[in-house]
N, C-alpha and C. Protein backbone atom coordinates (compact mmCIF):
# COMPACT_ATOMS: atom_id res chain seq x y z
N MET A 1 122.61 -0.23 -34.55
CA MET A 1 121.50 0.05 -33.18
C MET A 1 120.18 -0.45 -33.69
N HIS A 2 119.57 0.46 -34.92
CA HIS A 2 118.43 0.10 -35.42
C HIS A 2 118.14 -1.32 -35.02
N HIS A 3 118.97 -2.34 -35.16
CA HIS A 3 118.58 -3.63 -35.29
C HIS A 3 118.34 -4.40 -33.90
N ALA A 4 118.90 -3.65 -33.07
CA ALA A 4 119.07 -4.17 -31.82
C ALA A 4 117.11 -3.61 -31.00
N VAL A 5 117.19 -2.23 -31.83
CA VAL A 5 115.79 -1.97 -30.94
C VAL A 5 114.59 -2.41 -31.69
N VAL A 6 114.79 -3.00 -32.75
CA VAL A 6 114.02 -3.89 -33.73
C VAL A 6 113.55 -5.20 -33.04
N GLN A 7 114.67 -6.10 -32.80
CA GLN A 7 114.65 -7.32 -31.84
C GLN A 7 114.31 -7.30 -30.25
N THR A 8 114.56 -5.91 -29.56
CA THR A 8 113.70 -5.74 -28.36
C THR A 8 112.34 -5.58 -28.46
N CYS A 9 112.01 -5.08 -29.62
CA CYS A 9 110.30 -5.25 -29.73
C CYS A 9 109.77 -6.23 -29.78
N TYR A 10 110.62 -6.80 -30.60
CA TYR A 10 109.90 -8.35 -30.89
C TYR A 10 109.60 -9.21 -29.75
N ASN A 11 110.91 -9.03 -28.94
CA ASN A 11 110.78 -9.78 -27.63
C ASN A 11 109.63 -9.46 -26.92
N LEU A 12 109.53 -7.83 -26.53
CA LEU A 12 108.55 -7.60 -25.83
C LEU A 12 107.58 -8.00 -26.29
N LEU A 13 106.95 -8.38 -27.59
CA LEU A 13 105.80 -8.43 -28.33
C LEU A 13 105.25 -10.11 -28.04
N ASP A 14 106.56 -10.92 -28.02
CA ASP A 14 106.43 -12.34 -27.67
C ASP A 14 106.35 -12.47 -26.25
N LEU A 15 106.84 -11.64 -25.44
CA LEU A 15 106.61 -11.63 -23.64
C LEU A 15 104.93 -11.17 -23.15
N CYS A 16 104.51 -10.49 -24.36
CA CYS A 16 103.38 -9.74 -24.11
C CYS A 16 102.38 -11.03 -24.26
N GLU A 17 102.57 -11.97 -25.89
CA GLU A 17 101.57 -12.97 -25.93
C GLU A 17 101.53 -13.71 -24.84
N ARG A 18 103.03 -14.15 -24.40
CA ARG A 18 102.99 -15.16 -23.07
C ARG A 18 102.19 -14.82 -21.93
N SER A 19 102.72 -13.56 -21.66
CA SER A 19 101.77 -12.82 -20.44
C SER A 19 100.20 -13.14 -20.52
N ARG A 20 99.77 -13.09 -21.63
CA ARG A 20 98.23 -13.24 -21.82
C ARG A 20 98.01 -14.73 -21.67
N ALA A 21 98.90 -15.46 -21.92
CA ALA A 21 98.62 -16.95 -22.22
C ALA A 21 98.55 -17.23 -20.59
N VAL A 22 99.34 -16.63 -20.01
CA VAL A 22 99.53 -17.03 -18.32
C VAL A 22 98.01 -16.50 -17.66
N MET A 23 97.83 -15.19 -18.10
CA MET A 23 96.57 -14.82 -17.65
C MET A 23 95.24 -15.30 -18.06
N ASN A 24 95.12 -16.02 -18.93
CA ASN A 24 93.90 -16.84 -19.48
C ASN A 24 94.16 -18.38 -18.99
N GLY A 25 95.18 -18.66 -18.74
CA GLY A 25 95.08 -19.95 -18.03
C GLY A 25 95.77 -21.05 -19.15
N SER A 26 96.07 -20.58 -19.99
CA SER A 26 96.86 -21.33 -21.48
C SER A 26 97.91 -21.80 -21.29
N LEU A 27 98.63 -21.35 -20.44
CA LEU A 27 100.05 -21.37 -20.29
C LEU A 27 100.61 -21.20 -18.84
N PRO A 28 100.92 -22.53 -18.65
CA PRO A 28 101.25 -22.85 -16.91
C PRO A 28 102.18 -21.67 -16.62
N VAL A 29 102.52 -20.68 -15.76
CA VAL A 29 103.37 -19.78 -15.17
C VAL A 29 104.74 -20.31 -15.10
N ALA A 30 104.62 -21.43 -14.65
CA ALA A 30 106.15 -22.31 -14.78
C ALA A 30 106.63 -22.55 -15.85
N ASP A 31 105.98 -22.21 -16.84
CA ASP A 31 106.38 -22.32 -18.27
C ASP A 31 106.69 -21.02 -18.88
N ALA A 32 105.95 -20.07 -18.64
CA ALA A 32 106.03 -18.89 -19.16
C ALA A 32 107.33 -18.25 -20.02
N LEU A 33 108.64 -18.51 -19.30
CA LEU A 33 109.67 -18.02 -19.74
C LEU A 33 110.44 -19.25 -20.60
N ALA A 34 109.94 -20.49 -20.66
CA ALA A 34 110.70 -21.42 -21.42
C ALA A 34 111.12 -21.10 -22.78
N GLY A 35 112.16 -21.47 -23.13
CA GLY A 35 112.78 -21.62 -24.45
C GLY A 35 112.87 -19.88 -25.21
N VAL A 36 112.80 -18.81 -24.07
CA VAL A 36 112.91 -17.85 -24.05
C VAL A 36 114.49 -17.09 -23.84
N THR A 37 114.69 -16.27 -24.82
CA THR A 37 116.43 -15.58 -24.53
C THR A 37 115.82 -14.27 -24.02
N LEU A 38 116.26 -13.94 -23.06
CA LEU A 38 116.10 -12.76 -22.38
C LEU A 38 117.59 -11.79 -22.27
N HIS A 39 117.48 -10.38 -22.59
CA HIS A 39 118.54 -9.60 -22.90
C HIS A 39 118.72 -8.60 -21.78
N PHE A 40 119.77 -8.45 -20.97
CA PHE A 40 119.77 -7.56 -19.84
C PHE A 40 121.24 -6.41 -20.15
N ALA A 41 121.14 -5.47 -19.66
CA ALA A 41 122.20 -4.42 -19.58
C ALA A 41 122.34 -4.33 -18.26
N ALA A 42 123.55 -4.35 -17.77
CA ALA A 42 124.07 -4.05 -16.35
C ALA A 42 125.11 -2.96 -16.05
N ALA A 43 124.72 -2.45 -15.26
CA ALA A 43 125.79 -1.40 -14.75
C ALA A 43 126.82 -1.88 -13.93
N LEU A 44 128.23 -1.93 -14.25
CA LEU A 44 129.31 -2.41 -13.56
C LEU A 44 129.73 -1.80 -12.72
N TYR A 45 129.21 -1.61 -11.42
CA TYR A 45 129.74 -0.63 -10.52
C TYR A 45 130.18 -1.28 -9.14
N ASP A 46 130.13 -2.54 -9.10
CA ASP A 46 130.58 -3.76 -7.97
C ASP A 46 130.92 -4.88 -8.67
N ASP A 47 132.09 -5.31 -8.56
CA ASP A 47 132.25 -6.54 -8.78
C ASP A 47 131.53 -7.42 -8.26
N ASP A 48 131.13 -7.60 -6.92
CA ASP A 48 130.40 -8.65 -6.13
C ASP A 48 129.15 -8.82 -6.81
N TRP A 49 128.64 -7.88 -7.24
CA TRP A 49 127.13 -7.78 -7.72
C TRP A 49 127.53 -8.46 -9.24
N ILE A 50 128.08 -7.90 -9.96
CA ILE A 50 128.29 -8.20 -11.66
C ILE A 50 129.71 -7.62 -12.30
N ALA A 51 130.20 -8.41 -12.75
CA ALA A 51 131.42 -8.07 -13.27
C ALA A 51 131.49 -8.76 -14.92
N CYS A 52 131.91 -8.03 -15.79
CA CYS A 52 131.88 -8.77 -16.85
C CYS A 52 133.50 -8.44 -17.71
N ASP A 53 133.98 -9.58 -18.33
CA ASP A 53 135.52 -9.41 -18.62
C ASP A 53 135.30 -8.67 -20.28
N ALA A 54 136.32 -8.58 -20.93
CA ALA A 54 136.49 -8.20 -22.26
C ALA A 54 135.55 -8.95 -23.48
N GLU A 55 135.57 -10.47 -23.00
CA GLU A 55 135.07 -11.18 -24.13
C GLU A 55 133.69 -11.17 -23.70
N GLY A 56 132.70 -10.55 -22.75
CA GLY A 56 131.56 -10.84 -22.53
C GLY A 56 131.20 -11.80 -21.50
N SER A 57 132.24 -12.37 -21.06
CA SER A 57 131.72 -13.40 -19.72
C SER A 57 131.46 -12.83 -18.45
N CYS A 58 130.32 -13.02 -17.92
CA CYS A 58 130.13 -12.34 -16.59
C CYS A 58 129.92 -13.04 -15.29
N SER A 59 130.28 -12.60 -14.31
CA SER A 59 130.13 -13.48 -13.09
C SER A 59 129.47 -12.33 -11.79
N GLY A 60 129.64 -12.96 -10.74
CA GLY A 60 128.94 -12.12 -9.50
C GLY A 60 127.31 -12.77 -9.00
N PHE A 61 127.27 -12.14 -8.09
CA PHE A 61 125.83 -12.45 -7.41
C PHE A 61 124.82 -12.43 -8.49
N HIS A 62 124.60 -11.77 -9.26
CA HIS A 62 123.43 -11.10 -10.10
C HIS A 62 123.56 -12.28 -11.30
N VAL A 63 124.84 -12.49 -11.94
CA VAL A 63 124.76 -14.13 -12.61
C VAL A 63 124.61 -15.13 -11.76
N ARG A 64 125.05 -15.45 -10.93
CA ARG A 64 124.67 -16.77 -10.09
C ARG A 64 123.19 -16.74 -10.06
N LEU A 65 122.54 -15.79 -9.53
CA LEU A 65 120.76 -15.64 -9.31
C LEU A 65 120.31 -16.03 -10.53
N MET A 66 120.75 -15.11 -11.88
CA MET A 66 120.06 -15.45 -12.88
C MET A 66 120.30 -17.13 -13.49
N ASP A 67 121.40 -17.64 -13.18
CA ASP A 67 121.93 -18.75 -13.60
C ASP A 67 120.72 -19.73 -13.05
N ILE A 68 120.23 -19.65 -12.00
CA ILE A 68 119.48 -20.45 -10.97
C ILE A 68 118.13 -20.28 -11.41
N LEU A 69 117.42 -18.94 -11.92
CA LEU A 69 116.50 -18.57 -12.46
C LEU A 69 116.26 -19.12 -14.08
N ALA A 70 117.36 -19.00 -14.73
CA ALA A 70 117.08 -19.56 -16.02
C ALA A 70 116.90 -21.29 -16.22
N GLN A 71 117.96 -21.88 -14.94
CA GLN A 71 117.46 -23.22 -15.04
C GLN A 71 116.36 -23.94 -14.45
N ARG A 72 115.86 -23.02 -13.60
CA ARG A 72 114.38 -23.50 -13.24
C ARG A 72 113.30 -23.13 -14.20
N ALA A 73 113.66 -21.96 -14.68
CA ALA A 73 112.40 -21.40 -15.53
C ALA A 73 112.51 -21.70 -16.97
N GLY A 74 113.60 -22.27 -17.41
CA GLY A 74 114.02 -22.71 -18.82
C GLY A 74 114.38 -21.71 -19.63
N PHE A 75 114.84 -20.81 -19.42
CA PHE A 75 115.08 -19.68 -20.28
C PHE A 75 116.63 -19.66 -20.44
N GLU A 76 117.10 -18.83 -21.20
CA GLU A 76 118.52 -18.33 -21.49
C GLU A 76 118.60 -17.12 -21.48
N TYR A 77 119.76 -16.21 -21.16
CA TYR A 77 119.86 -14.98 -21.06
C TYR A 77 121.49 -14.38 -21.55
N GLU A 78 121.35 -13.30 -21.78
CA GLU A 78 122.65 -12.50 -22.16
C GLU A 78 122.51 -11.35 -21.46
N VAL A 79 123.82 -10.75 -20.72
CA VAL A 79 124.20 -9.67 -20.26
C VAL A 79 125.19 -9.07 -21.08
N THR A 80 124.88 -7.52 -21.22
CA THR A 80 125.87 -6.41 -21.48
C THR A 80 126.03 -5.64 -20.43
N GLY A 81 127.33 -5.83 -19.81
CA GLY A 81 127.95 -4.74 -19.08
C GLY A 81 128.14 -3.52 -19.46
N ILE A 82 127.78 -2.57 -18.75
CA ILE A 82 128.01 -1.03 -19.23
C ILE A 82 129.00 -0.53 -18.01
N PRO A 83 130.22 -0.13 -18.14
CA PRO A 83 131.13 0.24 -16.95
C PRO A 83 130.40 1.57 -16.54
N SER A 84 130.11 1.64 -14.93
CA SER A 84 129.28 2.53 -14.61
C SER A 84 129.81 4.06 -15.06
N ALA A 85 131.23 4.29 -15.22
CA ALA A 85 131.70 5.51 -15.43
C ALA A 85 131.08 5.96 -16.92
N GLU A 86 130.55 5.28 -17.54
CA GLU A 86 130.11 5.67 -18.78
C GLU A 86 128.48 5.97 -19.08
N ILE A 87 127.87 5.67 -17.75
CA ILE A 87 126.58 6.28 -17.50
C ILE A 87 126.29 7.30 -16.79
N ASP A 88 125.74 8.35 -17.67
CA ASP A 88 125.77 9.90 -17.22
C ASP A 88 124.48 10.12 -16.58
N ASP A 89 123.64 9.44 -16.88
CA ASP A 89 122.21 9.69 -16.22
C ASP A 89 121.51 8.26 -16.08
N TRP A 90 121.18 8.13 -14.63
CA TRP A 90 120.62 6.85 -14.27
C TRP A 90 119.21 6.90 -14.48
N THR A 91 118.69 7.63 -15.22
CA THR A 91 117.17 7.78 -15.10
C THR A 91 116.57 6.89 -16.94
């Protein structure tokens, strides 16, 4: 668990550096996420929006949308699906 927190913090710092570069004009906004791997957690409450199988393969509207964005912006992404029944606090 600790490793995931450290990795997330590292990625946040990396994105902050990229954000500053976009803001100061040294990095075009179109390239801001190029080469980055983004990590998402998704509540699995409606299979039309997002569904993930036991092997971690996901499908649905949100996945199709992320596929298009990733292709256009040059990033990769990973989704961790969390069954909505396991979420006891949405805040």
